[in-house]
Amino acid sequence: MNIPSSNSNPFSAITRRRFLKAAGAAAAVSSAPWARAGRASASNRITIGVIGWGMMGPANTKAFLAENDCQVVAACDIHAKHLQAAVDTVNSKYGNKDCKAYHDYRELLARDDVDAIMIAIPDQWHAIVATEAAARKKDIYGEKPLARTISEQQAIVKAVQQNNIIWQTGSWQRSLPQFHKAAEIVRNGLIGTVTHVEVGLPGGHHDFPGTVPALLTRLSSLPEKITSPAQIVPGTPAWNLAVTEPPADFDYDRWIGPSKMEPYIEQRVYQNWRWNYNTGGGQLMDWIGHHGDIAHWGLGFDLSGPSEVEGHGEFPASNAVWNTATKYSVECTYRKEVTNYPADVTMTIAGGSPAISMGTKWIGTDGWVWVDRSGFDASNPEWAKGDSLPDDLRKVKLYESHEHRRNFLDSVKSRKPTITPVEVAHHSTIPGHLGLISMLVGRKIHWDVAEEKILNDPGASELLTRPYRDPWKLA
């Protein structure tokens, strides 16, 4: 594991001490929150509350429902239709009506009989819910990216550490064999010293819920040809047609939460919230916690980061319905004196670029390896054989997990760290956050990895955080 050699930041110091300590030892199971008096059920099941029933909420919940040593006892969503779907799914599995429905996540978190929670909600809510849950001593399975800003991520890390809870990030590629094998090839030096890494991510926007066609039909009578919400800006006939009243069963004010209040437009809420910087981070931040995370895993940079980041992107109008970058390229430099790696490593993160394939590719002095959900390739064809490397090549053996939600439950019981603990989630997404900041301010970012601050750039530093709309605040 490569860790910065110097560190004067107390926050970073506690991050590293806790991570290394947790990686080598576990607290006794009897000290686990779920096993304390009054917390363990007769069947010794881990009780779980789920918050968010959108894209990943159903998939994560169904994975937990398939496990016999846990029980989903509560669900929360601010859209009545989605909440009912969540409760019905849980009760149908168990053949009862025991799952309790909540509109307010705080009421769910106040339950002493809930051991752990699953958070699958828009990015603008991650930090508020996660810090409150940690303060309530709930173990957390949380979706990536860790949070909307770096400062929010720091707050989550601090809350998790101070309350000694288990955290699993939804960067589930670490639990798939091809990603594990690829990372082990790199960590075992089979491609020599890595000099460059390519991280290919999607570009553009994707209409996940399929709500755009109905909008375009409404706009078809306008003189201007509208083909995407990225073309729609305030003060135009298209905007006036796009803005509607929210559904009666959807608490839109609560949904916007700490972000700036904006008119309701269906095409930028459910699942498509990703494409507006008021609530999400575009394709870059939606995916950096996957392929960027794998890049760090292979390099051993789970607790490190780049010293220089420079990003360029193509954006719609800043006030458009969808305003996140459609194409982007971010160049990162990891200094050897910071990472303790044998050489400086450069990383290119690109979205919408035909020059870089989707996935992660490490390029070394003696070869290369590429991995994606769709496949695996390497300079040595022998490495492509089998799900794992031969044991004689595995001098460095990385953490193994065969199912991401199962790994979380095992860690809740053992109190050993998960395969993607909060510190890893934090560092994996920092290159994406800094790349976005660089694109927005139009200049290179110099990042102090140990102190976790932008150097000599007050304007860029302001984007490490964001204002909150009253009354919302971090726990």
Protein backbone atom coordinates (compact mmCIF):
# COMPACT_ATOMS: atom_id res chain seq x y z
CA MET A 1 0.00 0.00 0.00
CA ASN A 2 1.43 3.37 -1.00
CA ILE A 3 0.83 6.21 1.42
CA PRO A 4 2.12 9.79 1.32
CA SER A 5 5.39 9.94 3.21
CA SER A 6 4.63 13.17 5.05
CA ASN A 7 1.46 14.42 6.62
CA SER A 8 0.76 17.36 8.88
CA ASN A 9 -3.00 17.44 8.50
CA PRO A 10 -4.75 15.94 11.58
CA PHE A 11 -7.71 14.90 9.44
CA SER A 12 -5.51 13.02 6.97
CA ALA A 13 -3.49 11.51 9.79
CA ILE A 14 -6.52 10.02 11.51
CA THR A 15 -7.76 8.79 8.14
CA ARG A 16 -4.59 6.82 7.54
CA ARG A 17 -4.20 5.55 11.10
CA ARG A 18 -7.76 4.28 11.20
CA PHE A 19 -7.55 2.69 7.77
CA LEU A 20 -4.34 0.81 8.52
CA LYS A 21 -5.48 -0.26 11.96
CA ALA A 22 -8.82 -1.50 10.63
CA ALA A 23 -7.14 -3.36 7.81
CA GLY A 24 -5.13 -5.45 10.26
CA ALA A 25 -7.53 -6.13 13.11
CA ALA A 26 -11.19 -6.25 14.01
CA ALA A 27 -13.07 -5.44 17.18
CA ALA A 28 -14.79 -8.32 18.91
CA VAL A 29 -18.13 -9.22 17.42
CA SER A 30 -19.78 -8.69 20.78
CA SER A 31 -18.98 -4.98 20.47
CA ALA A 32 -20.84 -4.63 17.18
CA PRO A 33 -23.91 -2.35 17.36
CA TRP A 34 -26.18 -5.05 15.95
CA ALA A 35 -25.14 -7.50 18.68
CA ARG A 36 -25.66 -5.22 21.67
CA ALA A 37 -28.45 -5.80 24.14
CA GLY A 38 -31.78 -5.00 22.63
CA ARG A 39 -30.38 -4.80 19.08
CA ALA A 40 -30.09 -8.43 18.04
CA SER A 41 -33.29 -10.18 17.09
CA ALA A 42 -34.12 -13.72 18.12
CA SER A 43 -32.87 -14.89 14.74
CA ASN A 44 -29.68 -12.82 15.14
CA ARG A 45 -30.45 -10.91 11.95
CA ILE A 46 -28.98 -7.55 11.04
CA THR A 47 -31.87 -5.12 10.69
CA ILE A 48 -31.69 -2.73 7.76
CA GLY A 49 -33.50 0.44 6.73
CA VAL A 50 -33.36 1.52 3.08
CA ILE A 51 -33.38 5.19 2.07
CA GLY A 52 -34.10 5.88 -1.58
CA TRP A 53 -36.04 3.81 -4.12
CA GLY A 54 -34.79 5.10 -7.47
CA MET A 55 -32.08 3.46 -9.57
CA MET A 56 -29.81 1.58 -7.16
CA GLY A 57 -32.17 1.41 -4.19
CA PRO A 58 -34.24 -1.48 -5.55
CA ALA A 59 -31.19 -3.49 -6.68
CA ASN A 60 -29.37 -3.07 -3.37
CA THR A 61 -32.49 -3.87 -1.35
CA LYS A 62 -33.22 -7.02 -3.33
CA ALA A 63 -29.65 -8.18 -2.74
CA PHE A 64 -30.17 -7.77 1.01
CA LEU A 65 -33.54 -9.51 0.82
CA ALA A 66 -31.76 -12.54 -0.64
CA GLU A 67 -29.60 -12.92 2.48
CA ASN A 68 -30.87 -14.90 5.47
CA ASP A 69 -28.87 -13.12 8.16
CA CYS A 70 -30.44 -9.71 7.64
CA GLN A 71 -33.93 -8.28 7.49
CA VAL A 72 -35.13 -5.08 5.86
CA VAL A 73 -37.49 -3.52 8.38
CA ALA A 74 -37.99 0.04 7.09
CA ALA A 75 -38.03 2.05 3.87
CA CYS A 76 -37.93 5.78 3.17
CA ASP A 77 -38.66 7.81 0.05
CA ILE A 78 -40.25 11.22 -0.55
CA HIS A 79 -42.22 10.05 -3.58
CA ALA A 80 -45.27 8.19 -2.29
CA LYS A 81 -45.42 5.89 -5.31
CA HIS A 82 -41.81 4.84 -4.94
CA LEU A 83 -42.18 4.39 -1.19
CA GLN A 84 -45.15 2.11 -1.68
CA ALA A 85 -43.18 0.08 -4.22
CA ALA A 86 -40.35 -0.31 -1.72
CA VAL A 87 -42.62 -1.46 1.10
CA ASP A 88 -44.52 -3.83 -1.18
CA THR A 89 -41.28 -5.37 -2.44
CA VAL A 90 -40.02 -6.01 1.09
CA ASN A 91 -43.30 -7.31 2.48
CA SER A 92 -43.84 -9.55 -0.52
CA LYS A 93 -40.47 -11.19 0.08
CA TYR A 94 -41.15 -11.84 3.77
CA GLY A 95 -44.86 -12.62 3.42
CA ASN A 96 -45.91 -10.07 6.04
CA LYS A 97 -46.62 -6.36 6.47
CA ASP A 98 -43.82 -5.57 8.89
CA CYS A 99 -41.82 -3.12 6.76
CA LYS A 100 -42.45 0.40 8.06
CA ALA A 101 -42.79 3.29 5.57
CA TYR A 102 -41.17 6.68 6.25
CA HIS A 103 -41.37 10.00 4.44
CA ASP A 104 -38.72 11.58 6.70
CA TYR A 105 -35.36 9.78 6.86
CA ARG A 106 -34.76 11.21 10.34
CA GLU A 107 -37.65 9.19 11.77
CA LEU A 108 -36.17 6.02 10.32
CA LEU A 109 -32.72 6.83 11.71
CA ALA A 110 -34.21 7.47 15.15
CA ARG A 111 -35.19 3.82 15.47
CA ASP A 112 -32.90 2.03 17.91
CA ASP A 113 -33.79 -1.34 16.41
CA VAL A 114 -32.30 -0.49 12.99
CA ASP A 115 -28.68 -1.63 12.81
CA ALA A 116 -27.69 -0.52 9.32
CA ILE A 117 -28.97 1.58 6.45
CA MET A 118 -28.65 1.65 2.69
CA ILE A 119 -28.45 5.13 1.12
CA ALA A 120 -29.31 5.46 -2.59
CA ILE A 121 -30.39 9.06 -3.06
CA PRO A 122 -29.30 12.03 -5.23
CA ASP A 123 -25.80 13.37 -4.61
CA GLN A 124 -26.93 16.60 -2.95
CA TRP A 125 -28.35 14.56 -0.05
CA HIS A 126 -25.49 12.11 0.56
CA ALA A 127 -23.60 14.09 3.19
CA ILE A 128 -26.59 15.18 5.24
CA VAL A 129 -28.11 11.72 5.54
CA ALA A 130 -24.77 9.94 5.97
CA THR A 131 -23.49 12.17 8.77
CA GLU A 132 -26.81 11.88 10.61
CA ALA A 133 -26.80 8.10 10.22
CA ALA A 134 -23.23 7.87 11.47
CA ALA A 135 -24.10 10.03 14.47
CA ARG A 136 -26.90 7.54 15.17
CA LYS A 137 -24.32 4.70 15.09
CA LYS A 138 -25.82 3.05 12.02
CA ASP A 139 -23.55 1.04 9.75
CA ILE A 140 -23.91 2.35 6.19
CA TYR A 141 -24.01 1.03 2.65
CA GLY A 142 -23.79 4.25 0.62
CA GLU A 143 -23.86 4.87 -3.11
CA LYS A 144 -21.07 6.56 -5.04
CA PRO A 145 -19.85 9.21 -5.49
CA LEU A 146 -19.30 9.70 -1.79
CA ALA A 147 -20.71 13.25 -1.87
CA ARG A 148 -21.35 16.29 -4.04
CA THR A 149 -18.21 18.14 -2.86
CA ILE A 150 -14.84 17.32 -1.33
CA SER A 151 -15.66 19.12 1.93
CA GLU A 152 -18.84 17.06 2.28
CA GLN A 153 -16.80 13.93 1.73
CA GLN A 154 -14.41 14.99 4.48
CA ALA A 155 -17.37 15.44 6.80
CA ILE A 156 -18.61 11.93 6.03
CA VAL A 157 -15.17 10.41 6.61
CA LYS A 158 -14.89 12.20 9.93
CA ALA A 159 -18.37 11.10 11.04
CA VAL A 160 -17.71 7.47 10.12
CA GLN A 161 -14.37 7.45 11.93
CA GLN A 162 -15.57 9.22 15.06
CA ASN A 163 -18.54 6.88 15.44
CA ASN A 164 -16.59 3.73 14.53
CA ILE A 165 -19.16 2.45 12.08
CA ILE A 166 -18.82 0.12 9.10
CA TRP A 167 -19.07 1.74 5.68
CA GLN A 168 -19.39 0.13 2.27
CA THR A 169 -19.40 2.23 -0.91
CA GLY A 170 -21.37 1.06 -3.93
CA SER A 171 -18.19 0.80 -6.03
CA TRP A 172 -19.12 -2.82 -6.67
CA GLN A 173 -16.60 -3.41 -9.47
CA ARG A 174 -14.11 -4.36 -6.72
CA SER A 175 -16.29 -7.40 -6.08
CA LEU A 176 -16.03 -8.68 -9.67
CA PRO A 177 -13.25 -11.14 -10.60
CA GLN A 178 -11.95 -9.42 -13.75
CA PHE A 179 -11.33 -6.14 -11.91
CA HIS A 180 -9.69 -7.95 -9.00
CA LYS A 181 -7.39 -9.85 -11.36
CA ALA A 182 -6.46 -6.75 -13.33
CA ALA A 183 -5.60 -4.82 -10.16
CA GLU A 184 -3.49 -7.73 -8.89
CA ILE A 185 -1.55 -7.88 -12.15
CA VAL A 186 -0.58 -4.25 -11.66
CA ARG A 187 0.10 -4.51 -7.93
CA ASN A 188 2.36 -7.52 -8.48
CA GLY A 189 4.52 -5.60 -10.94
CA LEU A 190 3.78 -7.81 -13.93
CA ILE A 191 3.57 -4.78 -16.22
CA GLY A 192 6.61 -3.19 -14.61
CA THR A 193 6.47 0.35 -13.28
CA VAL A 194 3.26 2.10 -14.30
CA THR A 195 3.85 5.34 -16.16
CA HIS A 196 0.36 6.19 -17.39
CA VAL A 197 -3.26 5.21 -16.75
CA GLU A 198 -6.26 5.76 -19.01
CA VAL A 199 -9.67 5.98 -17.38
CA GLY A 200 -12.45 5.94 -19.96
CA LEU A 201 -15.88 7.15 -18.83
CA PRO A 202 -19.12 7.94 -20.68
CA GLY A 203 -19.82 11.31 -22.23
CA GLY A 204 -23.05 13.12 -22.98
CA HIS A 205 -26.27 12.53 -21.08
CA HIS A 206 -28.57 9.53 -20.80
CA ASP A 207 -32.32 9.69 -20.24
CA PHE A 208 -32.54 6.93 -17.64
CA PRO A 209 -36.30 7.05 -16.90
CA GLY A 210 -37.30 7.83 -20.49
CA THR A 211 -39.05 11.11 -19.69
CA VAL A 212 -37.47 13.21 -22.45
CA PRO A 213 -39.58 12.03 -25.44
CA ALA A 214 -42.79 13.33 -23.84
CA LEU A 215 -41.16 16.72 -23.30
CA LEU A 216 -39.88 16.88 -26.88
CA THR A 217 -43.38 16.13 -28.12
CA ARG A 218 -44.69 19.12 -26.14
CA LEU A 219 -41.97 21.28 -27.67
CA SER A 220 -42.42 20.07 -31.25
CA SER A 221 -44.71 22.99 -32.20
CA LEU A 222 -42.03 25.58 -31.37
CA PRO A 223 -40.09 27.22 -34.21
CA GLU A 224 -36.78 26.22 -32.62
CA LYS A 225 -35.86 22.56 -32.99
CA ILE A 226 -35.22 21.16 -29.50
CA THR A 227 -33.62 17.73 -29.28
CA SER A 228 -32.29 17.72 -25.70
CA PRO A 229 -32.94 19.34 -22.31
CA ALA A 230 -29.40 20.70 -22.62
CA GLN A 231 -30.78 23.24 -25.12
CA ILE A 232 -33.52 24.55 -22.82
CA VAL A 233 -32.72 27.71 -20.82
CA PRO A 234 -34.83 30.14 -18.75
CA GLY A 235 -36.74 32.89 -20.50
CA THR A 236 -37.59 30.84 -23.58
CA PRO A 237 -40.87 29.25 -24.73
CA ALA A 238 -39.24 25.83 -24.34
CA TRP A 239 -38.44 26.55 -20.69
CA ASN A 240 -41.97 27.73 -20.03
CA LEU A 241 -43.34 24.47 -21.42
CA ALA A 242 -40.80 22.36 -19.52
CA VAL A 243 -41.66 23.86 -16.11
CA THR A 244 -44.70 22.22 -14.52
CA GLU A 245 -46.15 21.61 -11.10
CA PRO A 246 -44.65 18.60 -9.29
CA PRO A 247 -46.87 15.55 -8.81
CA ALA A 248 -49.07 15.71 -5.74
CA ASP A 249 -47.41 12.64 -4.24
CA PHE A 250 -43.85 14.00 -4.66
CA ASP A 251 -42.32 16.28 -2.00
CA TYR A 252 -40.26 18.43 -4.34
CA ASP A 253 -39.16 20.93 -1.69
CA ARG A 254 -37.72 18.10 0.40
CA TRP A 255 -36.17 16.54 -2.71
CA ILE A 256 -34.24 19.72 -3.57
CA GLY A 257 -33.18 19.81 0.06
CA PRO A 258 -29.94 21.74 0.65
CA SER A 259 -29.51 22.70 -3.01
CA LYS A 260 -30.70 25.93 -4.62
CA MET A 261 -34.45 25.97 -5.20
CA GLU A 262 -35.24 25.72 -8.91
CA PRO A 263 -38.56 25.31 -10.77
CA TYR A 264 -39.79 21.74 -11.07
CA ILE A 265 -38.90 20.11 -14.39
CA GLU A 266 -39.61 16.41 -14.61
CA GLN A 267 -36.58 15.73 -16.79
CA ARG A 268 -34.10 16.73 -14.09
CA VAL A 269 -35.42 14.85 -11.10
CA TYR A 270 -35.91 11.06 -10.97
CA GLN A 271 -32.59 9.46 -12.06
CA ASN A 272 -31.84 12.37 -14.43
CA TRP A 273 -30.81 14.62 -11.52
CA ARG A 274 -27.24 13.64 -12.50
CA TRP A 275 -27.25 16.04 -15.45
CA ASN A 276 -27.59 19.28 -13.47
CA TYR A 277 -24.82 20.56 -11.19
CA ASN A 278 -27.39 21.74 -8.65
CA THR A 279 -27.96 18.11 -7.69
CA GLY A 280 -25.37 15.92 -9.44
CA GLY A 281 -21.96 15.85 -11.09
CA GLY A 282 -22.57 14.60 -14.61
CA GLN A 283 -20.97 11.54 -16.16
CA LEU A 284 -17.58 12.38 -14.64
CA MET A 285 -18.75 12.18 -11.04
CA ASP A 286 -21.26 9.43 -11.75
CA TRP A 287 -18.46 7.14 -12.97
CA ILE A 288 -15.24 8.25 -11.27
CA GLY A 289 -16.16 6.02 -8.30
CA HIS A 290 -16.08 3.02 -10.65
CA HIS A 291 -13.21 3.13 -13.16
CA GLY A 292 -11.27 5.80 -11.27
CA ASP A 293 -11.62 3.68 -8.15
CA ILE A 294 -10.22 0.65 -9.96
CA ALA A 295 -7.30 2.72 -11.26
CA HIS A 296 -6.35 3.66 -7.70
CA TRP A 297 -6.78 0.06 -6.51
CA GLY A 298 -4.28 -1.25 -9.04
CA LEU A 299 -1.75 1.47 -8.24
CA GLY A 300 -2.08 1.16 -4.49
CA PHE A 301 -3.25 4.77 -4.27
CA ASP A 302 -6.31 4.12 -2.08
CA LEU A 303 -5.12 6.75 0.42
CA SER A 304 -3.25 9.01 -1.97
CA GLY A 305 -4.07 11.35 -4.83
CA PRO A 306 -2.85 13.61 -7.61
CA SER A 307 -0.76 16.70 -6.98
CA GLU A 308 -1.78 18.40 -10.23
CA VAL A 309 -5.09 18.23 -12.08
CA GLU A 310 -6.07 20.01 -15.28
CA GLY A 311 -9.44 19.53 -16.93
CA HIS A 312 -11.11 20.69 -20.12
CA GLY A 313 -14.72 20.13 -21.07
CA GLU A 314 -17.61 21.02 -23.33
CA PHE A 315 -20.66 22.32 -21.49
CA PRO A 316 -24.22 23.36 -22.29
CA ALA A 317 -25.31 26.76 -20.97
CA SER A 318 -24.77 26.94 -17.22
CA ASN A 319 -28.50 27.60 -16.65
CA ALA A 320 -29.75 24.87 -19.01
CA VAL A 321 -32.01 22.09 -17.74
CA TRP A 322 -29.09 19.70 -18.28
CA ASN A 323 -25.84 21.61 -17.79
CA THR A 324 -23.17 18.99 -17.03
CA ALA A 325 -20.19 18.45 -19.32
CA THR A 326 -20.92 16.38 -22.43
CA LYS A 327 -17.23 15.81 -23.26
CA TYR A 328 -14.31 16.16 -20.89
CA SER A 329 -10.66 15.28 -20.40
CA VAL A 330 -8.76 15.49 -17.13
CA GLU A 331 -4.98 15.12 -16.80
CA CYS A 332 -3.70 14.13 -13.35
CA THR A 333 -0.12 13.87 -12.12
CA TYR A 334 0.72 11.65 -9.14
CA ARG A 335 4.13 12.64 -7.74
CA LYS A 336 6.37 9.81 -6.55
CA GLU A 337 7.48 11.77 -3.50
CA VAL A 338 3.82 11.86 -2.43
CA THR A 339 2.68 8.35 -3.38
CA ASN A 340 5.93 6.48 -2.59
CA TYR A 341 5.55 4.80 -5.98
CA PRO A 342 8.81 4.27 -7.93
CA ALA A 343 7.91 6.92 -10.52
CA ASP A 344 5.54 9.76 -11.28
CA VAL A 345 2.29 8.47 -12.76
CA THR A 346 0.05 10.41 -15.10
CA MET A 347 -3.62 9.61 -15.48
CA THR A 348 -6.00 10.68 -18.24
CA ILE A 349 -9.69 10.63 -17.37
CA ALA A 350 -11.83 11.12 -20.45
CA GLY A 351 -15.52 11.05 -21.26
CA GLY A 352 -16.92 10.95 -24.76
CA SER A 353 -13.47 10.45 -26.30
CA PRO A 354 -13.02 7.78 -28.98
CA ALA A 355 -9.28 7.78 -28.24
CA ILE A 356 -9.77 6.20 -24.80
CA SER A 357 -11.77 3.03 -24.34
CA MET A 358 -14.32 2.70 -21.59
CA GLY A 359 -12.72 1.13 -18.55
CA THR A 360 -9.30 1.28 -16.90
CA LYS A 361 -5.96 0.71 -18.65
CA TRP A 362 -2.63 0.73 -16.83
CA ILE A 363 0.44 1.17 -19.04
CA GLY A 364 3.80 0.10 -17.60
CA THR A 365 7.41 -0.28 -18.60
CA ASP A 366 6.89 -4.02 -19.29
CA GLY A 367 3.33 -4.22 -20.59
CA TRP A 368 -0.26 -3.13 -20.08
CA VAL A 369 -3.62 -4.38 -18.86
CA TRP A 370 -7.15 -3.12 -19.58
CA VAL A 371 -10.39 -4.04 -17.86
CA ASP A 372 -14.03 -3.04 -18.20
CA ARG A 373 -17.37 -4.62 -17.38
CA SER A 374 -17.45 -5.82 -20.96
CA GLY A 375 -14.06 -7.51 -21.03
CA PHE A 376 -10.40 -7.89 -20.18
CA ASP A 377 -7.25 -7.56 -22.29
CA ALA A 378 -3.52 -7.44 -21.66
CA SER A 379 -0.16 -7.36 -23.38
CA ASN A 380 0.42 -10.94 -22.18
CA PRO A 381 -2.40 -13.23 -23.46
CA GLU A 382 -1.71 -15.66 -20.59
CA TRP A 383 -3.10 -13.17 -18.12
CA ALA A 384 -6.51 -13.36 -19.76
CA LYS A 385 -6.90 -17.01 -18.80
CA GLY A 386 -9.05 -17.80 -15.78
CA ASP A 387 -10.75 -15.61 -13.24
CA SER A 388 -7.60 -15.04 -11.21
CA LEU A 389 -3.83 -15.09 -11.46
CA PRO A 390 -1.92 -18.29 -10.69
CA ASP A 391 -0.92 -18.35 -7.04
CA ASP A 392 2.79 -18.24 -7.83
CA LEU A 393 2.31 -14.78 -9.38
CA ARG A 394 0.23 -13.44 -6.49
CA LYS A 395 2.91 -12.15 -4.15
CA VAL A 396 0.49 -9.30 -3.39
CA LYS A 397 -3.02 -10.59 -2.74
CA LEU A 398 -5.74 -7.98 -2.73
CA TYR A 399 -8.89 -8.05 -0.62
CA GLU A 400 -11.40 -10.50 -2.12
CA SER A 401 -15.16 -10.01 -2.17
CA HIS A 402 -17.56 -12.06 -4.27
CA GLU A 403 -20.74 -10.05 -3.69
CA HIS A 404 -20.68 -6.43 -2.62
CA ARG A 405 -23.76 -6.36 -0.37
CA ARG A 406 -22.72 -9.69 1.18
CA ASN A 407 -19.33 -8.20 1.95
CA PHE A 408 -21.04 -5.35 3.79
CA LEU A 409 -23.05 -7.75 5.96
CA ASP A 410 -19.96 -9.80 6.76
CA SER A 411 -18.17 -6.65 7.85
CA VAL A 412 -21.09 -5.50 10.00
CA LYS A 413 -20.79 -8.79 11.88
CA SER A 414 -16.99 -9.04 12.05
CA ARG A 415 -16.29 -5.28 12.38
CA LYS A 416 -13.52 -5.71 9.81
CA PRO A 417 -13.39 -3.10 7.01
CA THR A 418 -15.31 -3.63 3.80
CA ILE A 419 -13.65 -3.81 0.41
CA THR A 420 -14.55 -0.14 -0.25
CA PRO A 421 -14.50 1.68 3.10
CA VAL A 422 -15.19 5.38 3.38
CA GLU A 423 -11.54 6.43 3.12
CA VAL A 424 -11.23 4.63 -0.21
CA ALA A 425 -14.43 6.21 -1.54
CA HIS A 426 -13.13 9.64 -0.56
CA HIS A 427 -9.78 9.31 -2.31
CA SER A 428 -11.18 7.56 -5.38
CA THR A 429 -13.44 10.47 -6.23
CA ILE A 430 -11.05 13.35 -5.49
CA PRO A 431 -9.55 13.31 -9.04
CA GLY A 432 -13.06 13.72 -10.44
CA HIS A 433 -13.94 16.56 -8.10
CA LEU A 434 -10.69 18.38 -8.83
CA GLY A 435 -11.07 17.77 -12.56
CA LEU A 436 -14.52 19.35 -12.49
CA ILE A 437 -13.26 22.31 -10.47
CA SER A 438 -10.43 22.80 -12.98
CA MET A 439 -12.90 22.77 -15.87
CA LEU A 440 -15.16 25.27 -14.16
CA VAL A 441 -12.42 27.77 -13.27
CA GLY A 442 -10.42 27.20 -16.47
CA ARG A 443 -6.99 26.49 -14.99
CA LYS A 444 -4.76 23.80 -13.52
CA ILE A 445 -5.33 22.82 -9.90
CA HIS A 446 -2.41 22.25 -7.53
CA TRP A 447 -3.54 19.90 -4.78
CA ASP A 448 -1.84 19.28 -1.44
CA VAL A 449 -2.55 15.58 -0.94
CA ALA A 450 -1.62 15.51 2.74
CA GLU A 451 -3.42 18.70 3.73
CA GLU A 452 -6.31 18.08 1.31
CA LYS A 453 -6.47 21.64 0.04
CA ILE A 454 -6.04 23.54 -3.21
CA LEU A 455 -2.89 25.63 -3.23
CA ASN A 456 -2.76 29.34 -4.03
CA ASP A 457 -6.18 29.57 -5.70
CA PRO A 458 -8.94 31.07 -3.54
CA GLY A 459 -11.44 30.99 -6.40
CA ALA A 460 -11.01 27.28 -7.00
CA SER A 461 -10.92 26.58 -3.27
CA GLU A 462 -14.42 28.00 -2.92
CA LEU A 463 -15.69 25.10 -5.04
CA LEU A 464 -14.48 22.55 -2.49
CA THR A 465 -17.74 23.27 -0.70
CA ARG A 466 -21.19 24.67 -1.54
CA PRO A 467 -23.82 26.74 0.24
CA TYR A 468 -26.77 24.97 1.85
CA ARG A 469 -30.36 26.11 1.64
CA ASP A 470 -32.00 26.58 5.03
CA PRO A 471 -32.75 24.72 7.21
CA TRP A 472 -30.49 21.87 6.08
CA LYS A 473 -27.07 21.26 7.60
CA LEU A 474 -24.65 18.45 8.33
CA ALA A 475 -25.03 16.50 11.55
